[in-house]
Every structure is written in C-alpha cells, then in structure tokens.
Amino acid sequence: MQLLICKEVELFIKSCERRTIAKIIRSIDLLREFGKELSSPHVKQVQKGLFELHVRGYQEVRIFFIHRKGEIILIHGILKKTQKIPSNEIRKVLRKIKTLEKI
C-alpha cells in the first residue's frame, strides 16, 4: 500500500526528539507494511474514515491519517498531552481532509 506524508507531518516529525523520531519511523513502516490490518495498540479509529497512529515513548505522538484510493495519507501530527484529542486539532484535521478531497 502506498503511503503519502503531508509536508506538515514531515516537519512535525523532524521537530520531535531523536529517539521519538526513530519510533515514529518504525510505526510508519508498520503502517505501510500492514495497512488496514494494523490495529490497536498502533492504530485507533477516531471517527468514520479518520484514524490515528499511536507512537508511545518519552514523547507520545498521534499522527492522523486517512485511507484513500489504495493510499494511506498522513495528514497531521501532535504530541499527546491528554487522553482526549483536543477539538481544535480534530477541526484542523477535518479541514485538511476537505482540502485533500478537492485535489
């Protein structure tokens, strides 16, 4: 399965600590290899059609993604600070999805 990473996600990953970057890359590799078959604790469905990739460690990370036409598109990344996803982050992700739908 093809995996696309938005520029913002690339910048987010580069901003993380070195040991976190290694874990993110490993998690992305698992997502690329197993696609929709990858499940908890790595992947969780946030809402219909929207998923999050969990990266646990010193810095806990959530990377939001969608499946589209045989592709996985990594849309947005955040450092996890609370159990619940902040509503403003969900709104950002949904706006980005709408932008992608126009492409």
Protein backbone atom coordinates (compact mmCIF):
# COMPACT_ATOMS: atom_id res chain seq x y z
CA MET A 1 0.00 0.00 0.00
CA GLN A 2 1.34 3.42 -0.92
CA LEU A 3 1.89 5.84 1.95
CA LEU A 4 1.93 9.62 1.45
CA ILE A 5 3.15 12.06 4.08
CA CYS A 6 1.98 15.68 4.03
CA LYS A 7 4.75 18.26 4.31
CA GLU A 8 3.38 19.45 7.68
CA VAL A 9 3.70 15.92 9.09
CA GLU A 10 7.28 15.70 7.86
CA LEU A 11 8.09 18.96 9.64
CA PHE A 12 6.30 17.76 12.77
CA ILE A 13 8.33 14.54 12.81
CA LYS A 14 11.60 16.45 12.37
CA SER A 15 10.67 18.65 15.34
CA CYS A 16 10.43 15.65 17.68
CA GLU A 17 13.28 14.32 19.80
CA ARG A 18 15.70 11.97 18.09
CA ARG A 19 14.59 8.83 19.94
CA THR A 20 10.95 9.69 19.21
CA ILE A 21 11.71 10.10 15.51
CA ALA A 22 13.07 6.54 15.42
CA LYS A 23 9.85 5.22 16.97
CA ILE A 24 7.72 7.26 14.56
CA ILE A 25 9.61 5.87 11.58
CA ARG A 26 9.16 2.32 12.88
CA SER A 27 5.43 2.90 13.38
CA ILE A 28 5.07 4.36 9.89
CA ASP A 29 6.90 1.33 8.47
CA LEU A 30 4.42 -0.96 10.27
CA LEU A 31 1.52 1.06 8.86
CA ARG A 32 2.99 0.85 5.35
CA GLU A 33 3.52 -2.91 5.68
CA PHE A 34 0.19 -3.89 7.25
CA GLY A 35 -2.10 -1.07 6.09
CA LYS A 36 -5.70 -1.52 7.24
CA GLU A 37 -4.74 -4.70 9.08
CA LEU A 38 -2.68 -2.79 11.66
CA SER A 39 -4.78 -2.33 14.79
CA SER A 40 -4.54 -1.47 18.48
CA PRO A 41 -2.26 -0.50 20.14
CA HIS A 42 -0.78 1.08 16.99
CA VAL A 43 -3.90 2.37 15.25
CA LYS A 44 -7.23 3.60 16.50
CA GLN A 45 -10.23 4.87 14.56
CA VAL A 46 -11.06 8.43 15.64
CA GLN A 47 -14.23 8.69 13.58
CA LYS A 48 -15.53 7.23 10.36
CA GLY A 49 -12.68 7.31 7.85
CA LEU A 50 -10.21 9.04 10.20
CA PHE A 51 -7.54 7.12 12.10
CA GLU A 52 -4.65 7.88 14.41
CA LEU A 53 -1.27 6.20 14.58
CA HIS A 54 -0.09 5.98 18.20
CA VAL A 55 3.60 6.26 18.95
CA ARG A 56 4.42 5.64 22.59
CA GLY A 57 7.61 6.60 24.38
CA TYR A 58 9.27 9.56 26.02
CA GLN A 59 7.20 11.79 23.75
CA GLU A 60 3.80 10.32 22.94
CA VAL A 61 2.68 11.14 19.43
CA ARG A 62 -0.52 10.90 17.45
CA ILE A 63 -0.41 11.06 13.67
CA PHE A 64 -3.79 11.31 11.95
CA PHE A 65 -4.35 9.61 8.62
CA ILE A 66 -6.96 8.51 6.11
CA HIS A 67 -7.23 5.72 3.57
CA ARG A 68 -7.97 6.97 0.05
CA LYS A 69 -7.88 5.08 -3.24
CA GLY A 70 -5.41 2.46 -2.05
CA GLU A 71 -3.26 5.06 -0.33
CA ILE A 72 -2.62 5.96 3.28
CA ILE A 73 -2.23 9.70 3.71
CA LEU A 74 -0.63 11.03 6.90
CA ILE A 75 -2.34 14.38 7.45
CA HIS A 76 -1.49 15.85 10.84
CA GLY A 77 0.66 15.12 13.88
CA ILE A 78 0.51 16.21 17.51
CA LEU A 79 2.27 15.49 20.76
CA LYS A 80 -0.14 13.67 23.04
CA LYS A 81 -0.71 15.61 26.23
CA THR A 82 -4.14 14.35 27.28
CA GLN A 83 -6.23 11.22 26.80
CA LYS A 84 -8.79 13.10 24.74
CA ILE A 85 -7.94 14.64 21.38
CA PRO A 86 -8.37 18.43 21.59
CA SER A 87 -11.36 19.52 19.47
CA ASN A 88 -9.31 22.22 17.73
CA GLU A 89 -6.92 19.52 16.47
CA ILE A 90 -9.83 17.48 15.09
CA ARG A 91 -11.11 20.60 13.30
CA LYS A 92 -7.66 21.12 11.73
CA VAL A 93 -7.59 17.52 10.53
CA LEU A 94 -11.11 17.74 9.05
CA ARG A 95 -10.22 20.97 7.20
CA LYS A 96 -7.15 19.27 5.75
CA ILE A 97 -9.24 16.30 4.63
CA LYS A 98 -11.65 18.66 2.83
CA THR A 99 -8.68 20.28 1.09
CA LEU A 100 -7.41 16.85 0.00
CA GLU A 101 -10.83 15.92 -1.36
CA LYS A 102 -10.62 18.89 -3.74
CA ILE A 103 -7.34 17.59 -5.18
